[in-house]
Amino acid sequence: IFGLSILDDLARKYKKTVAQIVLRWNLQKGVITIPKSVKKERIKSNAD
């Protein structure tokens, strides 16, 4: 997902990361989402 430059514009528009844009899209579609990470900062960021 991080190689999809097409999402960079949305990330700039909302002042969010590409991952946050995609996860928010999941939720707004009514889709439960379970991003995998073992990194503390990524786990925190994925919840923002």
All heavy atoms as atom14 arrays in JSON, in Angstrom:
{
  "sequence": "IFGLSILDDLARKYKKTVAQIVLRWNLQKGVITIPKSVKKERIKSNAD",
  "atom14_mask": [
    [1, 1, 1, 1, 1, 1, 1, 1, 0, 0, 0, 0, 0, 0],
    [1, 1, 1, 1, 1, 1, 1, 1, 1, 1, 1, 0, 0, 0],
    [1, 1, 1, 1, 0, 0, 0, 0, 0, 0, 0, 0, 0, 0],
    [1, 1, 1, 1, 1, 1, 1, 1, 0, 0, 0, 0, 0, 0],
    [1, 1, 1, 1, 1, 1, 0, 0, 0, 0, 0, 0, 0, 0],
    [1, 1, 1, 1, 1, 1, 1, 1, 0, 0, 0, 0, 0, 0],
    [1, 1, 1, 1, 1, 1, 1, 1, 0, 0, 0, 0, 0, 0],
    [1, 1, 1, 1, 1, 1, 1, 1, 0, 0, 0, 0, 0, 0],
    [1, 1, 1, 1, 1, 1, 1, 1, 0, 0, 0, 0, 0, 0],
    [1, 1, 1, 1, 1, 1, 1, 1, 0, 0, 0, 0, 0, 0],
    [1, 1, 1, 1, 1, 0, 0, 0, 0, 0, 0, 0, 0, 0],
    [1, 1, 1, 1, 1, 1, 1, 1, 1, 1, 1, 0, 0, 0],
    [1, 1, 1, 1, 1, 1, 1, 1, 1, 0, 0, 0, 0, 0],
    [1, 1, 1, 1, 1, 1, 1, 1, 1, 1, 1, 1, 0, 0],
    [1, 1, 1, 1, 1, 1, 1, 1, 1, 0, 0, 0, 0, 0],
    [1, 1, 1, 1, 1, 1, 1, 1, 1, 0, 0, 0, 0, 0],
    [1, 1, 1, 1, 1, 1, 1, 0, 0, 0, 0, 0, 0, 0],
    [1, 1, 1, 1, 1, 1, 1, 0, 0, 0, 0, 0, 0, 0],
    [1, 1, 1, 1, 1, 0, 0, 0, 0, 0, 0, 0, 0, 0],
    [1, 1, 1, 1, 1, 1, 1, 1, 1, 0, 0, 0, 0, 0],
    [1, 1, 1, 1, 1, 1, 1, 1, 0, 0, 0, 0, 0, 0],
    [1, 1, 1, 1, 1, 1, 1, 0, 0, 0, 0, 0, 0, 0],
    [1, 1, 1, 1, 1, 1, 1, 1, 0, 0, 0, 0, 0, 0],
    [1, 1, 1, 1, 1, 1, 1, 1, 1, 1, 1, 0, 0, 0],
    [1, 1, 1, 1, 1, 1, 1, 1, 1, 1, 1, 1, 1, 1],
    [1, 1, 1, 1, 1, 1, 1, 1, 0, 0, 0, 0, 0, 0],
    [1, 1, 1, 1, 1, 1, 1, 1, 0, 0, 0, 0, 0, 0],
    [1, 1, 1, 1, 1, 1, 1, 1, 1, 0, 0, 0, 0, 0],
    [1, 1, 1, 1, 1, 1, 1, 1, 1, 0, 0, 0, 0, 0],
    [1, 1, 1, 1, 0, 0, 0, 0, 0, 0, 0, 0, 0, 0],
    [1, 1, 1, 1, 1, 1, 1, 0, 0, 0, 0, 0, 0, 0],
    [1, 1, 1, 1, 1, 1, 1, 1, 0, 0, 0, 0, 0, 0],
    [1, 1, 1, 1, 1, 1, 1, 0, 0, 0, 0, 0, 0, 0],
    [1, 1, 1, 1, 1, 1, 1, 1, 0, 0, 0, 0, 0, 0],
    [1, 1, 1, 1, 1, 1, 1, 0, 0, 0, 0, 0, 0, 0],
    [1, 1, 1, 1, 1, 1, 1, 1, 1, 0, 0, 0, 0, 0],
    [1, 1, 1, 1, 1, 1, 0, 0, 0, 0, 0, 0, 0, 0],
    [1, 1, 1, 1, 1, 1, 1, 0, 0, 0, 0, 0, 0, 0],
    [1, 1, 1, 1, 1, 1, 1, 1, 1, 0, 0, 0, 0, 0],
    [1, 1, 1, 1, 1, 1, 1, 1, 1, 0, 0, 0, 0, 0],
    [1, 1, 1, 1, 1, 1, 1, 1, 1, 0, 0, 0, 0, 0],
    [1, 1, 1, 1, 1, 1, 1, 1, 1, 1, 1, 0, 0, 0],
    [1, 1, 1, 1, 1, 1, 1, 1, 0, 0, 0, 0, 0, 0],
    [1, 1, 1, 1, 1, 1, 1, 1, 1, 0, 0, 0, 0, 0],
    [1, 1, 1, 1, 1, 1, 0, 0, 0, 0, 0, 0, 0, 0],
    [1, 1, 1, 1, 1, 1, 1, 1, 0, 0, 0, 0, 0, 0],
    [1, 1, 1, 1, 1, 0, 0, 0, 0, 0, 0, 0, 0, 0],
    [1, 1, 1, 1, 1, 1, 1, 1, 0, 0, 0, 0, 0, 0]
  ],
  "atom14_positions": [
    [[0.83, -1.21, 0.0], [0.0, 0.0, 0.0], [0.86, 1.26, 0.0], [0.5, 2.29, -0.56], [-0.96, -0.01, 1.22], [-2.12, 0.93, 0.99], [-0.29, 0.34, 2.52], [-3.23, 0.34, 0.22], [0.0, 0.0, 0.0], [0.0, 0.0, 0.0], [0.0, 0.0, 0.0], [0.0, 0.0, 0.0], [0.0, 0.0, 0.0], [0.0, 0.0, 0.0]],
    [[2.04, 1.15, 0.63], [2.89, 2.34, 0.77], [3.58, 2.71, -0.54], [4.14, 3.79, -0.65], [3.91, 2.12, 1.9], [3.22, 1.75, 3.2], [3.3, 0.46, 3.69], [2.45, 2.68, 3.88], [2.65, 0.11, 4.87], [1.79, 2.34, 5.05], [1.88, 1.05, 5.55], [0.0, 0.0, 0.0], [0.0, 0.0, 0.0], [0.0, 0.0, 0.0]],
    [[3.5, 1.83, -1.53], [4.04, 2.16, -2.85], [3.0, 2.78, -3.76], [3.32, 3.13, -4.91], [0.0, 0.0, 0.0], [0.0, 0.0, 0.0], [0.0, 0.0, 0.0], [0.0, 0.0, 0.0], [0.0, 0.0, 0.0], [0.0, 0.0, 0.0], [0.0, 0.0, 0.0], [0.0, 0.0, 0.0], [0.0, 0.0, 0.0], [0.0, 0.0, 0.0]],
    [[1.77, 2.95, -3.28], [0.7, 3.52, -4.11], [0.71, 5.04, -3.98], [0.04, 5.6, -3.13], [-0.68, 2.99, -3.68], [-1.0, 1.52, -3.93], [-2.46, 1.24, -3.6], [-0.73, 1.14, -5.37], [0.0, 0.0, 0.0], [0.0, 0.0, 0.0], [0.0, 0.0, 0.0], [0.0, 0.0, 0.0], [0.0, 0.0, 0.0], [0.0, 0.0, 0.0]],
    [[1.48, 5.7, -4.81], [1.59, 7.16, -4.71], [0.24, 7.83, -4.93], [0.02, 8.96, -4.5], [2.61, 7.68, -5.72], [2.24, 7.27, -7.03], [0.0, 0.0, 0.0], [0.0, 0.0, 0.0], [0.0, 0.0, 0.0], [0.0, 0.0, 0.0], [0.0, 0.0, 0.0], [0.0, 0.0, 0.0], [0.0, 0.0, 0.0], [0.0, 0.0, 0.0]],
    [[-0.69, 7.12, -5.57], [-2.01, 7.67, -5.85], [-2.75, 8.04, -4.56], [-3.65, 8.89, -4.56], [-2.81, 6.66, -6.7], [-3.95, 7.35, -7.44], [-3.32, 5.5, -5.88], [-4.46, 6.56, -8.62], [0.0, 0.0, 0.0], [0.0, 0.0, 0.0], [0.0, 0.0, 0.0], [0.0, 0.0, 0.0], [0.0, 0.0, 0.0], [0.0, 0.0, 0.0]],
    [[-2.37, 7.42, -3.43], [-3.01, 7.74, -2.15], [-2.33, 8.9, -1.41], [-2.86, 9.39, -0.43], [-3.02, 6.5, -1.25], [-3.93, 5.35, -1.71], [-3.69, 4.11, -0.86], [-5.4, 5.76, -1.64], [0.0, 0.0, 0.0], [0.0, 0.0, 0.0], [0.0, 0.0, 0.0], [0.0, 0.0, 0.0], [0.0, 0.0, 0.0], [0.0, 0.0, 0.0]],
    [[-1.18, 9.34, -1.91], [-0.46, 10.41, -1.22], [-1.26, 11.7, -1.16], [-1.19, 12.44, -0.17], [0.9, 10.66, -1.9], [1.88, 9.51, -1.68], [1.61, 8.69, -0.78], [2.87, 9.44, -2.41], [0.0, 0.0, 0.0], [0.0, 0.0, 0.0], [0.0, 0.0, 0.0], [0.0, 0.0, 0.0], [0.0, 0.0, 0.0], [0.0, 0.0, 0.0]],
    [[-2.01, 11.99, -2.23], [-2.81, 13.22, -2.24], [-3.85, 13.22, -1.12], [-4.07, 14.24, -0.47], [-3.53, 13.39, -3.59], [-2.56, 13.75, -4.71], [-1.42, 14.15, -4.38], [-2.93, 13.6, -5.88], [0.0, 0.0, 0.0], [0.0, 0.0, 0.0], [0.0, 0.0, 0.0], [0.0, 0.0, 0.0], [0.0, 0.0, 0.0], [0.0, 0.0, 0.0]],
    [[-4.49, 12.08, -0.9], [-5.47, 11.98, 0.18], [-4.78, 12.11, 1.54], [-5.33, 12.74, 2.46], [-6.22, 10.65, 0.12], [-7.25, 10.5, -1.0], [-7.92, 9.13, -0.93], [-8.32, 11.59, -0.91], [0.0, 0.0, 0.0], [0.0, 0.0, 0.0], [0.0, 0.0, 0.0], [0.0, 0.0, 0.0], [0.0, 0.0, 0.0], [0.0, 0.0, 0.0]],
    [[-3.61, 11.53, 1.66], [-2.87, 11.64, 2.93], [-2.56, 13.11, 3.23], [-2.73, 13.58, 4.36], [-1.59, 10.82, 2.86], [0.0, 0.0, 0.0], [0.0, 0.0, 0.0], [0.0, 0.0, 0.0], [0.0, 0.0, 0.0], [0.0, 0.0, 0.0], [0.0, 0.0, 0.0], [0.0, 0.0, 0.0], [0.0, 0.0, 0.0], [0.0, 0.0, 0.0]],
    [[-2.16, 13.85, 2.21], [-1.88, 15.29, 2.39], [-3.16, 16.05, 2.73], [-3.18, 16.91, 3.61], [-1.23, 15.87, 1.14], [0.27, 15.61, 1.06], [0.92, 16.42, -0.06], [0.49, 15.96, -1.37], [1.11, 14.98, -2.05], [2.15, 14.36, -1.52], [0.68, 14.63, -3.24], [0.0, 0.0, 0.0], [0.0, 0.0, 0.0], [0.0, 0.0, 0.0]],
    [[-4.24, 15.73, 2.02], [-5.51, 16.44, 2.21], [-5.99, 16.32, 3.66], [-6.44, 17.31, 4.25], [-6.57, 15.85, 1.27], [-7.98, 16.39, 1.49], [-8.99, 15.78, 0.53], [-10.41, 16.19, 0.84], [-11.39, 15.61, -0.11], [0.0, 0.0, 0.0], [0.0, 0.0, 0.0], [0.0, 0.0, 0.0], [0.0, 0.0, 0.0], [0.0, 0.0, 0.0]],
    [[-5.89, 15.11, 4.23], [-6.42, 14.88, 5.58], [-5.34, 15.01, 6.66], [-5.63, 14.82, 7.84], [-7.07, 13.51, 5.66], [-8.37, 13.42, 4.89], [-8.4, 12.9, 3.59], [-9.57, 13.86, 5.43], [-9.59, 12.81, 2.87], [-10.76, 13.78, 4.73], [-10.77, 13.26, 3.45], [-11.95, 13.19, 2.74], [0.0, 0.0, 0.0], [0.0, 0.0, 0.0]],
    [[-4.08, 15.27, 6.23], [-2.95, 15.35, 7.16], [-2.82, 14.04, 7.96], [-2.67, 14.03, 9.19], [-3.07, 16.55, 8.1], [-3.05, 17.89, 7.37], [-3.07, 19.05, 8.34], [-2.84, 20.37, 7.64], [-3.83, 20.68, 6.6], [0.0, 0.0, 0.0], [0.0, 0.0, 0.0], [0.0, 0.0, 0.0], [0.0, 0.0, 0.0], [0.0, 0.0, 0.0]],
    [[-2.92, 12.95, 7.25], [-2.82, 11.61, 7.84], [-1.85, 10.78, 7.01], [-1.46, 11.18, 5.92], [-4.2, 10.94, 7.84], [-5.18, 11.55, 8.85], [-4.78, 11.17, 10.27], [-5.66, 11.81, 11.32], [-5.3, 11.39, 12.68], [0.0, 0.0, 0.0], [0.0, 0.0, 0.0], [0.0, 0.0, 0.0], [0.0, 0.0, 0.0], [0.0, 0.0, 0.0]],
    [[-1.47, 9.6, 7.53], [-0.62, 8.7, 6.75], [-1.48, 7.91, 5.76], [-2.71, 7.81, 5.92], [0.11, 7.7, 7.67], [-0.86, 6.84, 8.27], [0.9, 8.41, 8.77], [0.0, 0.0, 0.0], [0.0, 0.0, 0.0], [0.0, 0.0, 0.0], [0.0, 0.0, 0.0], [0.0, 0.0, 0.0], [0.0, 0.0, 0.0], [0.0, 0.0, 0.0]],
    [[-0.83, 7.33, 4.77], [-1.54, 6.48, 3.81], [-2.23, 5.33, 4.56], [-3.38, 4.98, 4.27], [-0.56, 5.95, 2.73], [-1.18, 4.78, 1.97], [-0.17, 7.07, 1.78], [0.0, 0.0, 0.0], [0.0, 0.0, 0.0], [0.0, 0.0, 0.0], [0.0, 0.0, 0.0], [0.0, 0.0, 0.0], [0.0, 0.0, 0.0], [0.0, 0.0, 0.0]],
    [[-1.53, 4.74, 5.54], [-2.13, 3.64, 6.31], [-3.4, 4.1, 7.02], [-4.42, 3.39, 7.01], [-1.12, 3.11, 7.33], [0.0, 0.0, 0.0], [0.0, 0.0, 0.0], [0.0, 0.0, 0.0], [0.0, 0.0, 0.0], [0.0, 0.0, 0.0], [0.0, 0.0, 0.0], [0.0, 0.0, 0.0], [0.0, 0.0, 0.0], [0.0, 0.0, 0.0]],
    [[-3.36, 5.27, 7.62], [-4.55, 5.77, 8.33], [-5.71, 6.04, 7.37], [-6.87, 5.76, 7.69], [-4.19, 7.04, 9.11], [-3.31, 6.76, 10.33], [-2.6, 7.99, 10.85], [-2.53, 9.04, 10.19], [-2.04, 7.88, 12.05], [0.0, 0.0, 0.0], [0.0, 0.0, 0.0], [0.0, 0.0, 0.0], [0.0, 0.0, 0.0], [0.0, 0.0, 0.0]],
    [[-5.39, 6.54, 6.18], [-6.43, 6.76, 5.17], [-7.09, 5.44, 4.8], [-8.33, 5.32, 4.75], [-5.83, 7.42, 3.89], [-5.3, 8.83, 4.19], [-6.85, 7.43, 2.75], [-6.36, 9.85, 4.54], [0.0, 0.0, 0.0], [0.0, 0.0, 0.0], [0.0, 0.0, 0.0], [0.0, 0.0, 0.0], [0.0, 0.0, 0.0], [0.0, 0.0, 0.0]],
    [[-6.28, 4.41, 4.56], [-6.82, 3.11, 4.13], [-7.62, 2.45, 5.25], [-8.7, 1.9, 5.01], [-5.67, 2.19, 3.65], [-6.14, 0.76, 3.47], [-5.1, 2.73, 2.34], [0.0, 0.0, 0.0], [0.0, 0.0, 0.0], [0.0, 0.0, 0.0], [0.0, 0.0, 0.0], [0.0, 0.0, 0.0], [0.0, 0.0, 0.0], [0.0, 0.0, 0.0]],
    [[-7.14, 2.53, 6.48], [-7.87, 1.92, 7.6], [-9.19, 2.65, 7.85], [-10.21, 2.01, 8.15], [-7.0, 1.91, 8.86], [-5.77, 0.99, 8.78], [-4.88, 1.17, 10.0], [-6.18, -0.48, 8.64], [0.0, 0.0, 0.0], [0.0, 0.0, 0.0], [0.0, 0.0, 0.0], [0.0, 0.0, 0.0], [0.0, 0.0, 0.0], [0.0, 0.0, 0.0]],
    [[-9.17, 3.97, 7.72], [-10.42, 4.72, 7.88], [-11.42, 4.35, 6.77], [-12.63, 4.23, 7.03], [-10.12, 6.23, 7.85], [-11.33, 7.13, 8.01], [-11.86, 7.15, 9.43], [-13.25, 7.58, 9.47], [-13.9, 7.92, 10.58], [-13.3, 7.89, 11.75], [-15.17, 8.29, 10.53], [0.0, 0.0, 0.0], [0.0, 0.0, 0.0], [0.0, 0.0, 0.0]],
    [[-10.9, 4.15, 5.58], [-11.74, 3.71, 4.45], [-12.38, 2.36, 4.78], [-13.58, 2.17, 4.55], [-10.88, 3.64, 3.19], [-11.49, 2.95, 2.02], [-12.52, 3.38, 1.22], [-11.06, 1.7, 1.46], [-12.77, 2.47, 0.21], [-11.89, 1.44, 0.33], [-10.07, 0.78, 1.78], [-11.75, 0.29, -0.45], [-9.93, -0.36, 1.01], [-10.77, -0.59, -0.1]],
    [[-11.58, 1.44, 5.34], [-12.13, 0.14, 5.77], [-13.34, 0.36, 6.66], [-14.43, -0.18, 6.42], [-11.09, -0.66, 6.57], [-10.02, -1.34, 5.76], [-9.48, -2.36, 6.16], [-9.66, -0.78, 4.62], [0.0, 0.0, 0.0], [0.0, 0.0, 0.0], [0.0, 0.0, 0.0], [0.0, 0.0, 0.0], [0.0, 0.0, 0.0], [0.0, 0.0, 0.0]],
    [[-13.17, 1.15, 7.71], [-14.23, 1.32, 8.71], [-15.46, 2.0, 8.12], [-16.59, 1.61, 8.41], [-13.7, 2.11, 9.91], [-12.54, 1.46, 10.69], [-12.15, 2.33, 11.88], [-12.9, 0.06, 11.16], [0.0, 0.0, 0.0], [0.0, 0.0, 0.0], [0.0, 0.0, 0.0], [0.0, 0.0, 0.0], [0.0, 0.0, 0.0], [0.0, 0.0, 0.0]],
    [[-15.23, 3.0, 7.28], [-16.37, 3.7, 6.68], [-17.13, 2.82, 5.68], [-18.29, 3.07, 5.38], [-15.92, 5.01, 6.05], [-15.6, 6.06, 7.1], [-15.29, 7.43, 6.52], [-14.38, 8.1, 6.98], [-16.04, 7.88, 5.53], [0.0, 0.0, 0.0], [0.0, 0.0, 0.0], [0.0, 0.0, 0.0], [0.0, 0.0, 0.0], [0.0, 0.0, 0.0]],
    [[-16.47, 1.77, 5.2], [-17.14, 0.78, 4.34], [-17.92, -0.23, 5.18], [-18.55, -1.13, 4.63], [-16.12, 0.04, 3.48], [-15.4, 0.88, 2.45], [-16.16, 1.0, 1.15], [-16.16, -0.3, 0.38], [-17.0, -0.17, -0.86], [0.0, 0.0, 0.0], [0.0, 0.0, 0.0], [0.0, 0.0, 0.0], [0.0, 0.0, 0.0], [0.0, 0.0, 0.0]],
    [[-17.83, -0.11, 6.5], [-18.49, -1.09, 7.37], [-17.69, -2.38, 7.49], [-18.23, -3.43, 7.82], [0.0, 0.0, 0.0], [0.0, 0.0, 0.0], [0.0, 0.0, 0.0], [0.0, 0.0, 0.0], [0.0, 0.0, 0.0], [0.0, 0.0, 0.0], [0.0, 0.0, 0.0], [0.0, 0.0, 0.0], [0.0, 0.0, 0.0], [0.0, 0.0, 0.0]],
    [[-16.37, -2.29, 7.23], [-15.5, -3.46, 7.24], [-14.62, -3.42, 8.5], [-13.91, -2.45, 8.73], [-14.61, -3.46, 5.97], [-13.58, -4.58, 6.01], [-15.48, -3.58, 4.71], [0.0, 0.0, 0.0], [0.0, 0.0, 0.0], [0.0, 0.0, 0.0], [0.0, 0.0, 0.0], [0.0, 0.0, 0.0], [0.0, 0.0, 0.0], [0.0, 0.0, 0.0]],
    [[-14.7, -4.47, 9.29], [-13.8, -4.6, 10.44], [-12.38, -4.78, 9.92], [-12.16, -5.44, 8.91], [-14.24, -5.8, 11.31], [-15.55, -5.45, 12.05], [-13.15, -6.21, 12.29], [-16.16, -6.59, 12.82], [0.0, 0.0, 0.0], [0.0, 0.0, 0.0], [0.0, 0.0, 0.0], [0.0, 0.0, 0.0], [0.0, 0.0, 0.0], [0.0, 0.0, 0.0]],
    [[-11.41, -4.19, 10.63], [-10.04, -4.25, 10.11], [-9.06, -4.62, 11.23], [-9.23, -4.18, 12.38], [-9.65, -2.93, 9.42], [-8.44, -3.13, 8.68], [-9.49, -1.78, 10.39], [0.0, 0.0, 0.0], [0.0, 0.0, 0.0], [0.0, 0.0, 0.0], [0.0, 0.0, 0.0], [0.0, 0.0, 0.0], [0.0, 0.0, 0.0], [0.0, 0.0, 0.0]],
    [[-8.05, -5.42, 10.89], [-7.11, -5.94, 11.89], [-5.67, -5.77, 11.4], [-4.97, -6.74, 11.13], [-7.4, -7.41, 12.22], [-7.65, -8.24, 10.94], [-8.61, -7.54, 13.15], [-7.66, -9.74, 11.16], [0.0, 0.0, 0.0], [0.0, 0.0, 0.0], [0.0, 0.0, 0.0], [0.0, 0.0, 0.0], [0.0, 0.0, 0.0], [0.0, 0.0, 0.0]],
    [[-5.19, -4.52, 11.28], [-3.81, -4.32, 10.82], [-2.82, -5.03, 11.73], [-2.94, -4.95, 12.96], [-3.63, -2.8, 10.85], [-4.67, -2.31, 11.82], [-5.83, -3.24, 11.67], [0.0, 0.0, 0.0], [0.0, 0.0, 0.0], [0.0, 0.0, 0.0], [0.0, 0.0, 0.0], [0.0, 0.0, 0.0], [0.0, 0.0, 0.0], [0.0, 0.0, 0.0]],
    [[-1.87, -5.72, 11.13], [-0.86, -6.45, 11.88], [0.37, -5.57, 12.09], [0.84, -4.93, 11.15], [-0.48, -7.72, 11.11], [0.59, -8.56, 11.77], [1.96, -8.38, 11.15], [3.02, -9.06, 12.01], [4.36, -9.02, 11.41], [0.0, 0.0, 0.0], [0.0, 0.0, 0.0], [0.0, 0.0, 0.0], [0.0, 0.0, 0.0], [0.0, 0.0, 0.0]],
    [[0.85, -5.51, 13.32], [2.13, -4.87, 13.58], [2.69, -5.37, 14.9], [1.94, -5.74, 15.8], [2.0, -3.34, 13.62], [3.29, -2.76, 13.75], [0.0, 0.0, 0.0], [0.0, 0.0, 0.0], [0.0, 0.0, 0.0], [0.0, 0.0, 0.0], [0.0, 0.0, 0.0], [0.0, 0.0, 0.0], [0.0, 0.0, 0.0], [0.0, 0.0, 0.0]],
    [[4.01, -5.36, 15.0], [4.65, -5.65, 16.29], [5.47, -4.44, 16.73], [6.24, -4.51, 17.69], [5.56, -6.9, 16.2], [4.72, -8.15, 15.96], [6.62, -6.75, 15.12], [0.0, 0.0, 0.0], [0.0, 0.0, 0.0], [0.0, 0.0, 0.0], [0.0, 0.0, 0.0], [0.0, 0.0, 0.0], [0.0, 0.0, 0.0], [0.0, 0.0, 0.0]],
    [[5.28, -3.3, 16.05], [6.02, -2.08, 16.38], [5.11, -1.12, 17.15], [4.0, -0.81, 16.72], [6.5, -1.4, 15.1], [7.51, -2.22, 14.31], [8.07, -1.4, 13.15], [9.23, -2.11, 12.48], [8.81, -3.28, 11.7], [0.0, 0.0, 0.0], [0.0, 0.0, 0.0], [0.0, 0.0, 0.0], [0.0, 0.0, 0.0], [0.0, 0.0, 0.0]],
    [[5.58, -0.65, 18.28], [4.76, 0.17, 19.18], [4.21, 1.41, 18.48], [3.02, 1.72, 18.58], [5.6, 0.58, 20.4], [4.8, 1.31, 21.47], [5.67, 1.59, 22.69], [4.85, 2.2, 23.8], [5.7, 2.45, 25.0], [0.0, 0.0, 0.0], [0.0, 0.0, 0.0], [0.0, 0.0, 0.0], [0.0, 0.0, 0.0], [0.0, 0.0, 0.0]],
    [[5.06, 2.11, 17.76], [4.61, 3.36, 17.11], [3.59, 3.08, 16.01], [2.64, 3.84, 15.82], [5.81, 4.14, 16.55], [6.62, 4.85, 17.61], [5.75, 5.65, 18.59], [4.94, 6.48, 18.13], [5.86, 5.43, 19.81], [0.0, 0.0, 0.0], [0.0, 0.0, 0.0], [0.0, 0.0, 0.0], [0.0, 0.0, 0.0], [0.0, 0.0, 0.0]],
    [[3.77, 1.98, 15.27], [2.81, 1.64, 14.21], [1.47, 1.23, 14.81], [0.41, 1.6, 14.28], [3.4, 0.5, 13.36], [2.54, 0.07, 12.2], [2.32, 1.14, 11.15], [3.54, 1.65, 10.57], [4.27, 1.05, 9.63], [3.9, -0.12, 9.16], [5.34, 1.63, 9.15], [0.0, 0.0, 0.0], [0.0, 0.0, 0.0], [0.0, 0.0, 0.0]],
    [[1.51, 0.48, 15.9], [0.27, 0.08, 16.58], [-0.49, 1.33, 17.03], [-1.72, 1.42, 16.85], [0.58, -0.86, 17.77], [1.03, -2.23, 17.23], [-0.63, -1.01, 18.7], [1.64, -3.14, 18.28], [0.0, 0.0, 0.0], [0.0, 0.0, 0.0], [0.0, 0.0, 0.0], [0.0, 0.0, 0.0], [0.0, 0.0, 0.0], [0.0, 0.0, 0.0]],
    [[0.25, 2.29, 17.56], [-0.38, 3.55, 18.0], [-0.93, 4.33, 16.81], [-2.06, 4.81, 16.82], [0.65, 4.38, 18.75], [0.11, 5.67, 19.33], [1.15, 6.38, 20.18], [0.55, 7.64, 20.79], [1.52, 8.34, 21.66], [0.0, 0.0, 0.0], [0.0, 0.0, 0.0], [0.0, 0.0, 0.0], [0.0, 0.0, 0.0], [0.0, 0.0, 0.0]],
    [[-0.14, 4.45, 15.77], [-0.54, 5.2, 14.58], [-1.77, 4.58, 13.9], [-2.67, 5.29, 13.44], [0.64, 5.25, 13.6], [0.26, 5.85, 12.38], [0.0, 0.0, 0.0], [0.0, 0.0, 0.0], [0.0, 0.0, 0.0], [0.0, 0.0, 0.0], [0.0, 0.0, 0.0], [0.0, 0.0, 0.0], [0.0, 0.0, 0.0], [0.0, 0.0, 0.0]],
    [[-1.81, 3.23, 13.87], [-2.94, 2.55, 13.23], [-4.25, 2.78, 13.94], [-5.32, 2.52, 13.39], [-2.67, 1.04, 13.14], [-1.65, 0.68, 12.07], [-1.34, 1.48, 11.19], [-1.13, -0.54, 12.12], [0.0, 0.0, 0.0], [0.0, 0.0, 0.0], [0.0, 0.0, 0.0], [0.0, 0.0, 0.0], [0.0, 0.0, 0.0], [0.0, 0.0, 0.0]],
    [[-4.18, 3.25, 15.18], [-5.4, 3.51, 15.96], [-5.82, 4.97, 15.9], [-6.88, 5.33, 16.43], [-5.18, 3.1, 17.41], [0.0, 0.0, 0.0], [0.0, 0.0, 0.0], [0.0, 0.0, 0.0], [0.0, 0.0, 0.0], [0.0, 0.0, 0.0], [0.0, 0.0, 0.0], [0.0, 0.0, 0.0], [0.0, 0.0, 0.0], [0.0, 0.0, 0.0]],
    [[-5.03, 5.79, 15.24], [-5.32, 7.24, 15.2], [-6.24, 7.55, 14.01], [-5.85, 8.21, 13.05], [-3.99, 8.01, 15.11], [-4.17, 9.51, 15.23], [-5.27, 9.94, 15.67], [-3.24, 10.25, 14.86], [0.0, 0.0, 0.0], [0.0, 0.0, 0.0], [0.0, 0.0, 0.0], [0.0, 0.0, 0.0], [0.0, 0.0, 0.0], [0.0, 0.0, 0.0]]
  ]
}
